[in-house]
Amino acid sequence: MDTQKFLYEDECRKIIGACFEVHNELGHGFLEAVYQEALSISFSQMNLPYESEKKLAIFYKGQQLQKSYYADFVCFDNIIIELKACEGLVPEHTSQVLNYLKATDFKLGLLINFGTPKV
């Protein structure tokens, strides 16, 4: 039996459960903003702590830049959630989340794509 524990495993299960709930209800084909609003409702109903459109400060050589990133969600004060609604993810989507992590003190980001059909 593998007893390996993943970073924020319980929190991720709850977040992913909410995402599946939204996808099961809406399916694919909506704009990202629709999924974001629906996910906000699911997070609230599940009593998951979250902030929508969370402004993330970017630092360079110890100084905060005027430009900022905006994560679709930050859940549990430590997990960045980036939503997409496209046919498939591309490397730029992954880079976006990795840049969010690099520019902040966050250790985990989830890239969620609602654009693929249910199988």
Protein backbone atom coordinates (compact mmCIF):
# COMPACT_ATOMS: atom_id res chain seq x y z
CA MET A 1 0.00 0.00 0.00
CA ASP A 2 1.38 3.38 -1.04
CA THR A 3 1.20 5.86 1.81
CA GLN A 4 2.65 8.77 -0.14
CA LYS A 5 0.93 12.02 0.79
CA PHE A 6 0.58 14.77 -1.78
CA LEU A 7 0.76 18.48 -1.03
CA TYR A 8 -2.67 19.72 0.13
CA GLU A 9 -4.21 16.39 -0.85
CA ASP A 10 -7.47 16.79 1.09
CA GLU A 11 -7.99 20.33 -0.14
CA CYS A 12 -7.32 19.28 -3.74
CA ARG A 13 -9.86 16.47 -3.50
CA LYS A 14 -12.50 18.98 -2.42
CA ILE A 15 -11.59 21.45 -5.17
CA ILE A 16 -11.56 18.77 -7.86
CA GLY A 17 -14.86 17.41 -6.53
CA ALA A 18 -16.41 20.86 -6.98
CA CYS A 19 -14.99 21.03 -10.51
CA PHE A 20 -16.50 17.66 -11.41
CA GLU A 21 -19.81 18.81 -9.99
CA VAL A 22 -19.78 21.84 -12.29
CA HIS A 23 -18.69 19.82 -15.31
CA ASN A 24 -21.29 17.14 -14.69
CA GLU A 25 -24.02 19.78 -14.51
CA LEU A 26 -22.94 22.08 -17.35
CA GLY A 27 -20.91 19.83 -19.62
CA HIS A 28 -18.61 21.53 -22.10
CA GLY A 29 -19.14 24.41 -24.50
CA PHE A 30 -19.60 27.41 -22.20
CA LEU A 31 -17.23 30.32 -21.82
CA GLU A 32 -14.67 30.27 -19.03
CA ALA A 33 -16.57 33.00 -17.17
CA VAL A 34 -19.63 30.74 -16.91
CA TYR A 35 -17.60 27.94 -15.33
CA GLN A 36 -15.95 30.42 -12.99
CA GLU A 37 -19.30 31.69 -11.77
CA ALA A 38 -20.69 28.16 -11.39
CA LEU A 39 -17.56 27.06 -9.52
CA SER A 40 -17.97 30.00 -7.14
CA ILE A 41 -21.44 28.70 -6.33
CA SER A 42 -20.15 25.16 -5.76
CA PHE A 43 -17.30 26.39 -3.57
CA SER A 44 -19.77 28.41 -1.48
CA GLN A 45 -22.22 25.51 -1.16
CA MET A 46 -19.38 23.21 -0.10
CA ASN A 47 -18.07 25.84 2.36
CA LEU A 48 -14.66 25.87 0.66
CA PRO A 49 -12.65 29.01 1.39
CA TYR A 50 -11.85 30.83 -1.84
CA GLU A 51 -11.15 34.19 -3.39
CA SER A 52 -12.16 34.87 -6.98
CA GLU A 53 -9.99 36.93 -9.36
CA LYS A 54 -7.29 37.05 -6.69
CA LYS A 55 -4.62 39.65 -7.38
CA LEU A 56 -1.15 38.14 -7.11
CA ALA A 57 1.82 40.42 -6.59
CA ILE A 58 4.91 39.84 -8.71
CA PHE A 59 8.37 40.47 -7.31
CA TYR A 60 11.66 41.12 -9.06
CA LYS A 61 14.88 41.27 -7.06
CA GLY A 62 12.89 41.79 -3.90
CA GLN A 63 10.77 44.63 -5.25
CA GLN A 64 7.09 44.39 -6.03
CA LEU A 65 6.28 45.20 -9.63
CA GLN A 66 3.35 47.40 -10.64
CA LYS A 67 2.03 44.64 -12.90
CA SER A 68 0.08 41.84 -11.25
CA TYR A 69 -1.31 38.45 -12.14
CA TYR A 70 -4.93 37.61 -11.44
CA ALA A 71 -5.62 34.00 -10.58
CA ASP A 72 -9.12 32.77 -11.33
CA PHE A 73 -9.26 31.47 -7.76
CA VAL A 74 -7.13 31.02 -4.71
CA CYS A 75 -8.56 28.33 -2.44
CA PHE A 76 -7.64 27.62 1.17
CA ASP A 77 -5.29 30.65 1.01
CA ASN A 78 -2.62 28.49 -0.63
CA ILE A 79 -3.79 26.84 -3.88
CA ILE A 80 -3.98 28.73 -7.17
CA ILE A 81 -6.75 27.62 -9.52
CA GLU A 82 -6.54 28.57 -13.19
CA LEU A 83 -9.57 27.74 -15.34
CA LYS A 84 -9.72 27.15 -19.05
CA ALA A 85 -12.58 26.29 -21.40
CA CYS A 86 -10.82 25.11 -24.53
CA GLU A 87 -10.59 21.99 -26.64
CA GLY A 88 -7.18 21.15 -25.26
CA LEU A 89 -4.50 22.60 -23.04
CA VAL A 90 -1.32 23.91 -24.61
CA PRO A 91 2.10 24.52 -23.05
CA GLU A 92 1.28 28.22 -22.59
CA HIS A 93 -1.49 27.30 -20.16
CA THR A 94 0.92 25.29 -18.05
CA SER A 95 3.48 28.10 -18.26
CA GLN A 96 0.86 30.54 -17.00
CA VAL A 97 0.31 28.53 -13.82
CA LEU A 98 4.03 27.91 -13.35
CA ASN A 99 4.65 31.66 -13.68
CA TYR A 100 1.98 32.33 -11.04
CA LEU A 101 3.79 29.95 -8.72
CA LYS A 102 7.21 31.37 -9.54
CA ALA A 103 6.09 34.94 -8.87
CA THR A 104 4.41 34.14 -5.57
CA ASP A 105 5.02 32.05 -2.46
CA PHE A 106 2.38 29.52 -3.50
CA LYS A 107 3.51 25.91 -3.83
CA LEU A 108 0.57 24.43 -5.77
CA GLY A 109 -1.52 25.43 -8.74
CA LEU A 110 -4.31 23.48 -10.41
CA LEU A 111 -5.01 23.95 -14.11
CA ILE A 112 -8.62 22.94 -14.77
CA ASN A 113 -10.04 22.65 -18.30
CA PHE A 114 -13.82 22.56 -18.68
CA GLY A 115 -13.64 22.56 -22.47
CA THR A 116 -13.39 18.84 -23.12
CA PRO A 117 -16.52 16.73 -23.54
CA LYS A 118 -17.54 14.23 -20.89
CA VAL A 119 -16.50 10.74 -21.92
